[in-house]
Amino acid sequence: MAVSVTVLASGSKGNCTVISSSGTHLLVDAGLSCRELLRRMILCALDPDCIDAILVTHEHTDHIAGLRVLAKRLKIPVYITAPTYHAYQKVARDAAGNRISLTRLEHFRSGSAFQIGDITVTPFTIPHDAVDPVGFTFRSDGIKVGVCTDLGYMPASVRHHLRGCHVLMIESNHDLEMLRGGPYPWSVKQRVMSNVGHLSNDRLADFLTSDYDGVAEFLILAHLSEQNNHPEIARVTAERALGEQRSLLRNRLMLAAQHEPLPAVRL
């Protein structure tokens, strides 16, 4: 198989996804501990020593918690925007509480594609309450993969980048009624529902109904809230939005989870 996507973890407690081509293996985010990420890679028959780089979407803890230790352990570069790295340095500490730096660093800019091995990576800006948050598309061997979570809504620029994806991993974070009636403080609820918060099931459904091109073989619903969503609610909402676009060959739905890896999607 030329390209595979393995979601090791997805949710508010930690995020990490492996994008693999025939010759290159990339980690998107490192939001769990190094030990747990290594355990999940091995569980999925992924050799940690074959990982070529870590790419960071933004500086929130559930995306960078294991970043420094994992990068040091695997001796691989970290690809990150300069503003995100500066924000990371303000909060990152070692076990002794000292500020830390990453030793192998590669900066990129949103909107400017770059190459890692045989994978072309295109970062694009997303609306989220971080300093310089991005989503990614990956192209290799004629296959395009989109990874886009942690965004409050779907602006035209994001919809443009996600066209033509053979695999699309996209956020379906919360059910509005569960969020409104849930235990979060009102200020947190406002943040999650805002245009720089997280994509609700209904907002994803609007995209799938109105502006999704329908060509993906696999749709992976990601970053589901454990407090404010339920997998079946997310699934049914997406299924209804897709309608007749779903088939045995297109728009097969998968739901990424927090506590266990998702079986690899292979193309």
Protein backbone atom coordinates (compact mmCIF):
# COMPACT_ATOMS: atom_id res chain seq x y z
CA MET A 1 0.00 0.00 0.00
CA ALA A 2 1.34 3.40 -0.99
CA VAL A 3 -0.18 5.61 1.74
CA SER A 4 -1.60 4.91 5.19
CA VAL A 5 -3.12 6.97 8.00
CA THR A 6 -3.02 5.72 11.60
CA VAL A 7 -4.68 7.80 14.32
CA LEU A 8 -2.89 6.94 17.56
CA ALA A 9 -5.05 9.26 19.68
CA SER A 10 -7.63 11.97 19.10
CA GLY A 11 -9.39 14.09 21.70
CA SER A 12 -8.93 16.73 24.37
CA LYS A 13 -6.49 14.53 26.33
CA GLY A 14 -4.01 14.02 23.52
CA ASN A 15 -3.62 13.89 19.74
CA CYS A 16 -1.22 12.12 17.39
CA THR A 17 -1.58 10.76 13.85
CA VAL A 18 0.90 8.91 11.65
CA ILE A 19 0.97 9.62 7.91
CA SER A 20 3.01 7.04 5.98
CA SER A 21 4.01 6.74 2.35
CA SER A 22 6.09 4.03 0.72
CA GLY A 23 9.27 5.71 2.00
CA THR A 24 8.39 8.34 4.64
CA HIS A 25 6.66 8.30 8.03
CA LEU A 26 5.43 11.50 9.70
CA LEU A 27 3.85 12.19 13.07
CA VAL A 28 1.27 14.96 13.23
CA ASP A 29 1.40 16.26 16.82
CA ALA A 30 2.63 14.48 19.96
CA GLY A 31 -0.03 15.08 22.56
CA LEU A 32 0.54 12.03 24.76
CA SER A 33 3.58 11.07 26.79
CA CYS A 34 6.55 9.69 24.91
CA ARG A 35 6.09 6.30 26.56
CA GLU A 36 2.42 6.07 25.59
CA LEU A 37 3.03 7.21 22.01
CA LEU A 38 5.76 4.61 21.59
CA ARG A 39 3.47 1.95 23.06
CA ARG A 40 0.69 2.82 20.64
CA MET A 41 3.03 2.85 17.65
CA ILE A 42 4.28 -0.63 18.51
CA LEU A 43 0.68 -1.78 19.09
CA CYS A 44 -0.09 -0.63 15.53
CA ALA A 45 2.99 -2.42 14.12
CA LEU A 46 4.72 0.90 13.46
CA ASP A 47 8.46 1.01 14.06
CA PRO A 48 9.18 4.21 16.06
CA ASP A 49 12.73 4.31 14.67
CA CYS A 50 11.31 4.69 11.16
CA ILE A 51 9.57 8.00 11.98
CA ASP A 52 11.19 10.80 9.98
CA ALA A 53 9.73 13.94 11.59
CA ILE A 54 7.08 15.43 13.88
CA LEU A 55 4.80 18.18 12.55
CA VAL A 56 3.03 20.46 15.03
CA THR A 57 -0.40 22.00 14.37
CA HIS A 58 -0.43 24.36 17.38
CA GLU A 59 0.86 24.80 20.90
CA HIS A 60 -2.04 23.54 23.03
CA THR A 61 -1.00 20.84 25.50
CA ASP A 62 -3.11 18.07 23.96
CA HIS A 63 -0.96 18.42 20.83
CA ILE A 64 2.54 18.92 22.26
CA ALA A 65 2.67 17.19 25.68
CA GLY A 66 5.19 14.56 24.59
CA LEU A 67 6.93 16.58 21.90
CA ARG A 68 10.34 17.29 23.42
CA VAL A 69 10.94 13.86 24.91
CA LEU A 70 9.73 12.02 21.82
CA ALA A 71 11.78 14.15 19.43
CA LYS A 72 14.87 13.62 21.60
CA ARG A 73 14.23 9.87 21.92
CA LEU A 74 13.77 9.36 18.17
CA LYS A 75 16.42 11.95 17.19
CA ILE A 76 14.16 13.48 14.57
CA PRO A 77 13.37 17.08 13.54
CA VAL A 78 10.29 18.99 14.59
CA TYR A 79 8.49 21.05 11.94
CA ILE A 80 6.71 24.01 13.53
CA THR A 81 5.86 27.63 12.69
CA ALA A 82 8.01 30.27 14.39
CA PRO A 83 5.08 31.83 16.33
CA THR A 84 3.96 28.40 17.55
CA TYR A 85 7.50 27.56 18.66
CA HIS A 86 7.80 30.83 20.59
CA ALA A 87 4.48 30.10 22.32
CA TYR A 88 5.66 26.55 23.09
CA GLN A 89 8.89 27.85 24.65
CA LYS A 90 6.92 30.08 27.04
CA VAL A 91 5.18 27.11 28.66
CA ALA A 92 7.44 24.09 28.04
CA ARG A 93 9.50 22.89 31.01
CA ASP A 94 11.71 19.91 31.71
CA ALA A 95 11.35 17.68 34.78
CA ALA A 96 13.30 20.19 36.86
CA GLY A 97 11.06 23.07 35.79
CA ASN A 98 13.57 24.69 33.46
CA ARG A 99 12.61 26.26 30.14
CA ILE A 100 13.50 24.04 27.21
CA SER A 101 14.36 24.28 23.54
CA LEU A 102 14.06 21.76 20.74
CA THR A 103 17.41 20.75 19.31
CA ARG A 104 16.38 19.82 15.75
CA LEU A 105 14.03 22.47 14.49
CA GLU A 106 12.55 23.20 11.07
CA HIS A 107 10.32 26.24 10.61
CA PHE A 108 7.57 26.41 8.02
CA ARG A 109 4.98 29.02 7.08
CA SER A 110 1.29 28.50 6.56
CA GLY A 111 0.48 28.47 2.85
CA SER A 112 3.98 27.39 1.76
CA ALA A 113 4.33 23.73 0.81
CA PHE A 114 7.47 21.79 1.67
CA GLN A 115 8.87 18.32 1.10
CA ILE A 116 9.78 15.60 3.59
CA GLY A 117 11.04 12.52 1.80
CA ASP A 118 8.44 11.58 -0.81
CA ILE A 119 5.59 13.46 0.92
CA THR A 120 4.59 17.00 -0.07
CA VAL A 121 3.21 18.81 2.98
CA THR A 122 0.94 21.84 2.62
CA PRO A 123 0.09 23.71 5.84
CA PHE A 124 -2.90 26.06 5.90
CA THR A 125 -4.29 28.45 8.49
CA ILE A 126 -7.29 27.36 10.56
CA PRO A 127 -9.50 29.45 12.89
CA HIS A 128 -8.60 28.42 16.46
CA ASP A 129 -7.56 30.24 19.64
CA ALA A 130 -3.85 29.52 19.27
CA VAL A 131 -1.11 31.83 17.99
CA ASP A 132 -0.63 30.30 14.51
CA PRO A 133 -2.73 27.12 14.17
CA VAL A 134 -2.60 25.05 10.98
CA GLY A 135 -4.12 22.04 9.29
CA PHE A 136 -2.19 19.94 6.79
CA THR A 137 -2.61 18.13 3.52
CA PHE A 138 -0.16 15.44 2.47
CA ARG A 139 0.45 14.23 -1.08
CA SER A 140 2.37 11.14 -2.14
CA ASP A 141 2.02 8.59 -4.93
CA GLY A 142 -1.07 10.38 -6.26
CA ILE A 143 -2.87 10.21 -2.89
CA LYS A 144 -3.98 13.27 -0.93
CA VAL A 145 -4.67 13.16 2.82
CA GLY A 146 -6.20 16.03 4.80
CA VAL A 147 -5.84 16.47 8.57
CA CYS A 148 -7.94 19.29 9.98
CA THR A 149 -9.07 19.52 13.61
CA ASP A 150 -9.30 22.27 16.23
CA LEU A 151 -11.18 24.87 14.23
CA GLY A 152 -14.29 26.82 15.08
CA TYR A 153 -15.78 26.92 11.59
CA MET A 154 -14.96 26.11 7.96
CA PRO A 155 -13.84 29.25 6.09
CA ALA A 156 -13.51 29.20 2.31
CA SER A 157 -9.73 28.86 2.51
CA VAL A 158 -9.98 25.66 4.56
CA ARG A 159 -12.66 24.20 2.29
CA HIS A 160 -10.39 24.90 -0.67
CA HIS A 161 -7.46 22.99 0.82
CA LEU A 162 -9.62 19.99 1.67
CA ARG A 163 -10.90 19.44 -1.86
CA GLY A 164 -9.67 16.32 -3.59
CA CYS A 165 -8.68 14.41 -0.44
CA HIS A 166 -8.71 10.62 -0.67
CA VAL A 167 -8.64 10.45 3.14
CA LEU A 168 -10.06 13.30 5.20
CA MET A 169 -9.60 13.46 8.97
CA ILE A 170 -11.83 16.23 10.25
CA GLU A 171 -13.18 17.46 13.55
CA SER A 172 -16.63 16.56 14.88
CA ASN A 173 -16.09 17.81 18.41
CA HIS A 174 -19.40 18.37 20.14
CA ASP A 175 -23.16 18.14 20.08
CA LEU A 176 -24.52 21.61 20.79
CA GLU A 177 -27.28 20.48 23.14
CA MET A 178 -24.92 18.24 25.12
CA LEU A 179 -22.44 21.11 25.38
CA ARG A 180 -25.06 23.65 26.49
CA GLY A 181 -26.44 21.28 29.13
CA GLY A 182 -23.07 19.88 30.20
CA PRO A 183 -20.81 20.55 33.18
CA TYR A 184 -18.41 23.08 31.64
CA PRO A 185 -18.40 26.65 32.97
CA TRP A 186 -20.26 29.06 30.69
CA SER A 187 -17.02 30.79 29.69
CA VAL A 188 -15.60 27.49 28.45
CA LYS A 189 -18.82 26.67 26.61
CA GLN A 190 -18.64 30.04 24.85
CA ARG A 191 -15.04 29.38 23.86
CA VAL A 192 -15.83 25.92 22.43
CA MET A 193 -18.83 27.23 20.47
CA SER A 194 -17.00 30.29 19.12
CA ASN A 195 -15.48 30.71 15.66
CA VAL A 196 -12.05 30.02 17.19
CA GLY A 197 -13.19 27.04 19.22
CA HIS A 198 -14.08 23.57 17.98
CA LEU A 199 -16.19 22.29 15.09
CA SER A 200 -19.56 20.95 16.19
CA ASN A 201 -21.34 17.98 14.64
CA ASP A 202 -23.81 20.40 13.05
CA ARG A 203 -21.15 22.66 11.55
CA LEU A 204 -19.40 19.65 10.09
CA ALA A 205 -22.75 18.48 8.70
CA ASP A 206 -23.24 21.88 7.05
CA PHE A 207 -19.88 21.47 5.31
CA LEU A 208 -20.64 17.91 4.24
CA THR A 209 -24.01 18.98 2.86
CA SER A 210 -23.09 22.21 1.12
CA ASP A 211 -19.43 22.36 0.11
CA TYR A 212 -17.80 18.95 0.44
CA ASP A 213 -16.74 17.45 -2.88
CA GLY A 214 -17.60 13.91 -1.79
CA VAL A 215 -14.54 12.22 -3.26
CA ALA A 216 -12.83 10.83 -0.13
CA GLU A 217 -12.67 7.09 0.21
CA PHE A 218 -12.48 7.46 4.00
CA LEU A 219 -13.81 10.15 6.34
CA ILE A 220 -12.33 10.05 9.83
CA LEU A 221 -14.34 11.96 12.44
CA ALA A 222 -11.85 13.25 15.01
CA HIS A 223 -11.38 15.16 18.27
CA LEU A 224 -14.75 14.01 19.65
CA SER A 225 -15.43 15.43 23.09
CA GLU A 226 -15.89 12.80 25.79
CA GLN A 227 -18.03 15.21 27.83
CA ASN A 228 -20.05 16.90 25.11
CA ASN A 229 -20.50 14.34 22.35
CA HIS A 230 -21.26 10.69 21.75
CA PRO A 231 -19.77 8.63 18.92
CA GLU A 232 -23.17 7.53 17.63
CA ILE A 233 -24.51 11.09 17.59
CA ALA A 234 -21.48 12.21 15.59
CA ARG A 235 -21.77 9.24 13.24
CA VAL A 236 -25.50 9.61 12.58
CA THR A 237 -25.21 13.38 12.03
CA ALA A 238 -22.44 12.85 9.45
CA GLU A 239 -24.29 9.97 7.77
CA ARG A 240 -27.42 12.08 7.34
CA ALA A 241 -25.40 14.95 5.92
CA LEU A 242 -23.61 12.71 3.43
CA GLY A 243 -26.83 11.05 2.30
CA GLU A 244 -26.41 9.26 -1.00
CA GLN A 245 -22.74 10.24 -1.28
CA ARG A 246 -21.86 7.27 0.94
CA SER A 247 -21.02 3.98 -0.79
CA LEU A 248 -18.77 0.96 -0.45
CA LEU A 249 -15.99 2.90 -2.16
CA ARG A 250 -16.56 6.47 -0.95
CA ASN A 251 -17.09 8.25 2.33
CA ARG A 252 -16.65 5.26 4.57
CA LEU A 253 -16.96 6.71 8.07
CA MET A 254 -14.49 5.96 10.85
CA LEU A 255 -14.39 7.50 14.32
CA ALA A 256 -11.06 8.26 15.95
CA ALA A 257 -10.86 7.64 19.70
CA GLN A 258 -8.97 9.01 22.67
CA HIS A 259 -7.96 5.86 24.50
CA GLU A 260 -7.05 3.46 21.69
CA PRO A 261 -5.60 3.73 18.18
CA LEU A 262 -7.78 3.56 15.10
CA PRO A 263 -6.97 0.73 12.69
CA ALA A 264 -4.82 2.05 9.85
CA VAL A 265 -6.50 3.36 6.71
CA ARG A 266 -4.53 2.14 3.69
CA LEU A 267 -4.71 3.31 0.07
